[in-house]
């Protein structure tokens, strides 16, 4: 099945919209992590700080992998 030029542009636009929504969600999570660590300040032990960092890094990695997977799907 071959897509027309307009259908291809529509598909790319839809993929960009999805990526933007994922980025906005990631940005919200980043802000929440920063605020939580700032407000917890002195109460945040090294164990909890490590857990927060680990969860944030796993979340960031999953967002990047999902984004790359979507771009590969659009380009092929």
C-alpha atoms as a PDB file:
ATOM      1  CA  UNK A   1       0.000   0.000   0.000  1.00  0.00           C
ATOM      2  CA  UNK A   2       1.426   3.313  -1.025  1.00  0.00           C
ATOM      3  CA  UNK A   3       0.525   6.498   0.818  1.00  0.00           C
ATOM      4  CA  UNK A   4      -0.159   9.774  -0.897  1.00  0.00           C
ATOM      5  CA  UNK A   5       1.845  12.865  -0.063  1.00  0.00           C
ATOM      6  CA  UNK A   6      -1.028  14.235   2.061  1.00  0.00           C
ATOM      7  CA  UNK A   7      -1.415  10.947   3.977  1.00  0.00           C
ATOM      8  CA  UNK A   8       2.318  10.858   4.656  1.00  0.00           C
ATOM      9  CA  UNK A   9       2.246  14.408   6.007  1.00  0.00           C
ATOM     10  CA  UNK A  10      -0.756  13.538   8.156  1.00  0.00           C
ATOM     11  CA  UNK A  11       1.051  10.526   9.614  1.00  0.00           C
ATOM     12  CA  UNK A  12       4.162  12.575  10.366  1.00  0.00           C
ATOM     13  CA  UNK A  13       2.057  15.317  11.958  1.00  0.00           C
ATOM     14  CA  UNK A  14       0.252  12.774  14.146  1.00  0.00           C
ATOM     15  CA  UNK A  15       3.560  11.262  15.250  1.00  0.00           C
ATOM     16  CA  UNK A  16       4.973  14.678  16.090  1.00  0.00           C
ATOM     17  CA  UNK A  17       1.853  15.461  18.138  1.00  0.00           C
ATOM     18  CA  UNK A  18       2.285  12.214  20.084  1.00  0.00           C
ATOM     19  CA  UNK A  19       5.953  12.933  20.708  1.00  0.00           C
ATOM     20  CA  UNK A  20       5.100  16.411  21.938  1.00  0.00           C
ATOM     21  CA  UNK A  21       2.586  15.020  24.413  1.00  0.00           C
ATOM     22  CA  UNK A  22       5.156  12.494  25.692  1.00  0.00           C
ATOM     23  CA  UNK A  23       7.701  15.307  26.026  1.00  0.00           C
ATOM     24  CA  UNK A  24       5.203  17.433  27.972  1.00  0.00           C
ATOM     25  CA  UNK A  25       4.538  14.509  30.303  1.00  0.00           C
ATOM     26  CA  UNK A  26       8.290  13.982  30.765  1.00  0.00           C
ATOM     27  CA  UNK A  27       8.749  17.691  31.452  1.00  0.00           C
ATOM     28  CA  UNK A  28       5.996  17.559  34.098  1.00  0.00           C
ATOM     29  CA  UNK A  29       7.674  14.569  35.745  1.00  0.00           C
ATOM     30  CA  UNK A  30      10.999  16.405  35.705  1.00  0.00           C
ATOM     31  CA  UNK A  31       9.454  19.432  37.373  1.00  0.00           C
ATOM     32  CA  UNK A  32       7.748  17.217  39.965  1.00  0.00           C
ATOM     33  CA  UNK A  33      11.033  15.483  40.791  1.00  0.00           C
ATOM     34  CA  UNK A  34      12.820  18.811  41.180  1.00  0.00           C
ATOM     35  CA  UNK A  35      10.087  20.266  43.389  1.00  0.00           C
ATOM     36  CA  UNK A  36       9.859  17.099  45.500  1.00  0.00           C
ATOM     37  CA  UNK A  37      13.596  17.012  46.100  1.00  0.00           C
ATOM     38  CA  UNK A  38      13.678  20.729  46.894  1.00  0.00           C
ATOM     39  CA  UNK A  39      10.750  20.602  49.317  1.00  0.00           C
ATOM     40  CA  UNK A  40      11.989  17.433  51.012  1.00  0.00           C
ATOM     41  CA  UNK A  41      15.435  18.999  51.347  1.00  0.00           C
ATOM     42  CA  UNK A  42      16.852  17.923  54.668  1.00  0.00           C
ATOM     43  CA  UNK A  43      14.326  15.108  55.170  1.00  0.00           C
ATOM     44  CA  UNK A  44      15.493  13.389  51.994  1.00  0.00           C
ATOM     45  CA  UNK A  45      17.918  10.669  53.008  1.00  0.00           C
ATOM     46  CA  UNK A  46      20.543   9.286  50.654  1.00  0.00           C
ATOM     47  CA  UNK A  47      18.474   6.131  50.153  1.00  0.00           C
ATOM     48  CA  UNK A  48      15.370   8.087  49.135  1.00  0.00           C
ATOM     49  CA  UNK A  49      17.425  10.425  46.971  1.00  0.00           C
ATOM     50  CA  UNK A  50      18.949   7.401  45.241  1.00  0.00           C
ATOM     51  CA  UNK A  51      15.511   5.870  44.736  1.00  0.00           C
ATOM     52  CA  UNK A  52      14.142   9.126  43.318  1.00  0.00           C
ATOM     53  CA  UNK A  53      17.113   9.440  40.983  1.00  0.00           C
ATOM     54  CA  UNK A  54      16.843   5.820  39.868  1.00  0.00           C
ATOM     55  CA  UNK A  55      13.120   6.069  39.157  1.00  0.00           C
ATOM     56  CA  UNK A  56      13.631   9.313  37.266  1.00  0.00           C
ATOM     57  CA  UNK A  57      16.456   7.851  35.152  1.00  0.00           C
ATOM     58  CA  UNK A  58      14.402   4.743  34.339  1.00  0.00           C
ATOM     59  CA  UNK A  59      11.455   6.937  33.357  1.00  0.00           C
ATOM     60  CA  UNK A  60      13.686   9.146  31.187  1.00  0.00           C
ATOM     61  CA  UNK A  61      15.236   6.108  29.509  1.00  0.00           C
ATOM     62  CA  UNK A  62      11.796   4.665  28.737  1.00  0.00           C
ATOM     63  CA  UNK A  63      10.645   7.977  27.232  1.00  0.00           C
ATOM     64  CA  UNK A  64      13.729   8.117  24.996  1.00  0.00           C
ATOM     65  CA  UNK A  65      13.330   4.501  23.859  1.00  0.00           C
ATOM     66  CA  UNK A  66       9.633   4.999  23.104  1.00  0.00           C
ATOM     67  CA  UNK A  67      10.375   8.198  21.189  1.00  0.00           C
ATOM     68  CA  UNK A  68      13.071   6.534  19.095  1.00  0.00           C
ATOM     69  CA  UNK A  69      10.772   3.604  18.392  1.00  0.00           C
ATOM     70  CA  UNK A  70       8.032   5.907  17.148  1.00  0.00           C
ATOM     71  CA  UNK A  71      10.412   7.826  14.892  1.00  0.00           C
ATOM     72  CA  UNK A  72      11.673   4.572  13.398  1.00  0.00           C
ATOM     73  CA  UNK A  73       8.096   3.540  12.716  1.00  0.00           C
ATOM     74  CA  UNK A  74       7.358   6.823  10.965  1.00  0.00           C
ATOM     75  CA  UNK A  75      10.480   6.773   8.832  1.00  0.00           C
ATOM     76  CA  UNK A  76       9.921   3.240   7.511  1.00  0.00           C
END
